[in-house]
Amino acid sequence: MKSLFAVLPALWIANVIVLAAIKEVEGSRNGENVVVEKMSLVVAGRPDVDLDLTGSLDNLVSQPFTIKEGAEYRIKIMFRVNYEIVSGLKYFQVTSRKGIREDRNSFMVGSYGPKPDPIRI
């Protein structure tokens, strides 16, 4: 059986590596814990509609897209968790027609810890 003192340096080094990766992610963002980088609308038989959310949101407002009533689609989300563990992350979707809200759904996404790589769901 290994001594506790022999195992502790290895654990300490692993924690330092993880903290360094988190600091790298932390320094690259502006203080938000969860940053959604990209969303994609996936419809069978059509090319995916990608929405880049890292830049200015004015570009997204100028390029609206339409989903026909009754169409089946999926949404892919790519996001990054920066410093703290996020528990109970939810996705809210509001559907409106001619400016009037028709439907509001919420979906449980899950719980995630900080990672330097983006998470895709």
Protein backbone atom coordinates (compact mmCIF):
# COMPACT_ATOMS: atom_id res chain seq x y z
CA MET A 1 0.00 0.00 0.00
CA LYS A 2 1.33 3.43 -0.93
CA SER A 3 1.98 5.99 1.72
CA LEU A 4 -0.35 8.98 1.82
CA PHE A 5 2.69 11.25 1.46
CA ALA A 6 3.68 9.48 -1.78
CA VAL A 7 0.20 9.97 -3.29
CA LEU A 8 -0.32 13.61 -2.23
CA PRO A 9 2.28 15.18 -4.58
CA ALA A 10 0.69 13.46 -7.59
CA LEU A 11 -2.77 14.70 -6.57
CA TRP A 12 -1.43 18.19 -5.98
CA ILE A 13 0.21 18.27 -9.43
CA ALA A 14 -3.04 17.08 -11.06
CA ASN A 15 -4.99 19.82 -9.26
CA VAL A 16 -2.48 22.46 -10.39
CA ILE A 17 -2.84 21.32 -14.02
CA VAL A 18 -6.65 21.48 -13.82
CA LEU A 19 -6.54 24.91 -12.16
CA ALA A 20 -4.14 26.20 -14.83
CA ALA A 21 -6.56 25.05 -17.57
CA ILE A 22 -9.46 26.76 -15.77
CA LYS A 23 -7.47 29.98 -15.37
CA GLU A 24 -6.71 29.91 -19.12
CA VAL A 25 -10.43 29.67 -19.92
CA GLU A 26 -11.27 32.22 -17.22
CA GLY A 27 -8.87 34.78 -18.63
CA SER A 28 -10.23 34.43 -22.16
CA ARG A 29 -13.82 35.39 -21.25
CA ASN A 30 -15.42 38.40 -19.63
CA GLY A 31 -16.51 36.93 -16.31
CA GLU A 32 -19.52 34.84 -17.38
CA ASN A 33 -19.69 31.33 -15.98
CA VAL A 34 -21.57 29.76 -18.93
CA VAL A 35 -20.87 31.13 -22.40
CA VAL A 36 -22.99 29.84 -25.31
CA GLU A 37 -20.75 29.95 -28.37
CA LYS A 38 -22.85 28.39 -31.11
CA MET A 39 -26.35 27.09 -31.80
CA SER A 40 -27.37 25.03 -34.80
CA LEU A 41 -30.84 24.31 -36.14
CA VAL A 42 -30.90 20.81 -37.66
CA VAL A 43 -33.73 19.86 -40.01
CA ALA A 44 -33.74 16.56 -41.92
CA GLY A 45 -33.12 17.07 -45.64
CA ARG A 46 -31.85 20.65 -45.29
CA PRO A 47 -28.46 22.17 -44.48
CA ASP A 48 -27.90 23.15 -40.86
CA VAL A 49 -28.48 26.77 -39.86
CA ASP A 50 -25.54 27.83 -37.67
CA LEU A 51 -25.79 30.80 -35.33
CA ASP A 52 -22.44 32.10 -34.11
CA LEU A 53 -23.08 33.70 -30.73
CA THR A 54 -19.52 34.86 -29.98
CA GLY A 55 -19.71 38.11 -31.93
CA SER A 56 -22.20 40.94 -32.01
CA LEU A 57 -25.86 39.95 -31.70
CA ASP A 58 -26.80 42.66 -34.23
CA ASN A 59 -25.73 40.28 -37.01
CA LEU A 60 -28.23 37.68 -35.79
CA VAL A 61 -31.11 40.16 -35.69
CA SER A 62 -30.48 41.10 -39.31
CA GLN A 63 -30.61 37.43 -40.44
CA PRO A 64 -33.87 35.89 -39.14
CA PHE A 65 -34.93 32.39 -40.13
CA THR A 66 -38.36 30.79 -40.34
CA ILE A 67 -39.47 27.39 -39.09
CA LYS A 68 -42.62 26.10 -40.72
CA GLU A 69 -45.43 25.01 -38.46
CA GLY A 70 -45.32 21.28 -37.74
CA ALA A 71 -41.72 20.88 -38.91
CA GLU A 72 -39.54 18.54 -36.88
CA TYR A 73 -36.16 19.94 -35.94
CA ARG A 74 -33.36 19.58 -33.41
CA ILE A 75 -31.16 22.18 -31.78
CA LYS A 76 -27.46 21.65 -31.14
CA ILE A 77 -25.79 23.86 -28.55
CA MET A 78 -22.07 24.42 -28.04
CA PHE A 79 -21.15 26.14 -24.79
CA ARG A 80 -18.28 26.54 -22.37
CA VAL A 81 -18.34 26.41 -18.56
CA ASN A 82 -15.66 28.69 -17.15
CA TYR A 83 -15.01 28.62 -13.41
CA GLU A 84 -17.68 27.00 -11.29
CA ILE A 85 -19.70 23.82 -11.54
CA VAL A 86 -23.09 24.50 -13.11
CA SER A 87 -25.88 22.33 -11.77
CA GLY A 88 -29.37 22.19 -13.20
CA LEU A 89 -28.59 24.04 -16.45
CA LYS A 90 -31.81 24.63 -18.42
CA TYR A 91 -32.59 25.62 -22.00
CA PHE A 92 -35.64 27.83 -22.52
CA GLN A 93 -37.28 28.05 -25.94
CA VAL A 94 -39.94 30.63 -26.73
CA THR A 95 -41.90 30.29 -29.97
CA SER A 96 -43.64 33.39 -31.27
CA ARG A 97 -45.78 34.06 -34.32
CA LYS A 98 -46.16 37.61 -35.60
CA GLY A 99 -44.80 38.94 -32.33
CA ILE A 100 -47.23 36.99 -30.13
CA ARG A 101 -45.84 34.28 -27.87
CA GLU A 102 -47.36 30.92 -28.73
CA ASP A 103 -45.30 28.43 -26.78
CA ARG A 104 -42.65 28.31 -24.10
CA ASN A 105 -40.68 25.16 -23.31
CA SER A 106 -37.89 24.43 -20.88
CA PHE A 107 -35.52 21.50 -21.09
CA MET A 108 -33.09 20.27 -18.46
CA VAL A 109 -29.61 20.17 -20.01
CA GLY A 110 -27.71 18.81 -16.99
CA SER A 111 -24.83 19.64 -14.70
CA TYR A 112 -21.32 20.41 -15.95
CA GLY A 113 -17.95 21.29 -14.51
CA PRO A 114 -15.42 23.77 -15.90
CA LYS A 115 -13.49 22.61 -18.97
CA PRO A 116 -11.18 24.36 -21.41
CA ASP A 117 -12.92 22.61 -24.34
CA PRO A 118 -16.48 23.50 -25.43
CA ILE A 119 -19.32 21.12 -24.54
CA ARG A 120 -21.61 20.00 -27.37
CA ILE A 121 -25.14 18.76 -26.78
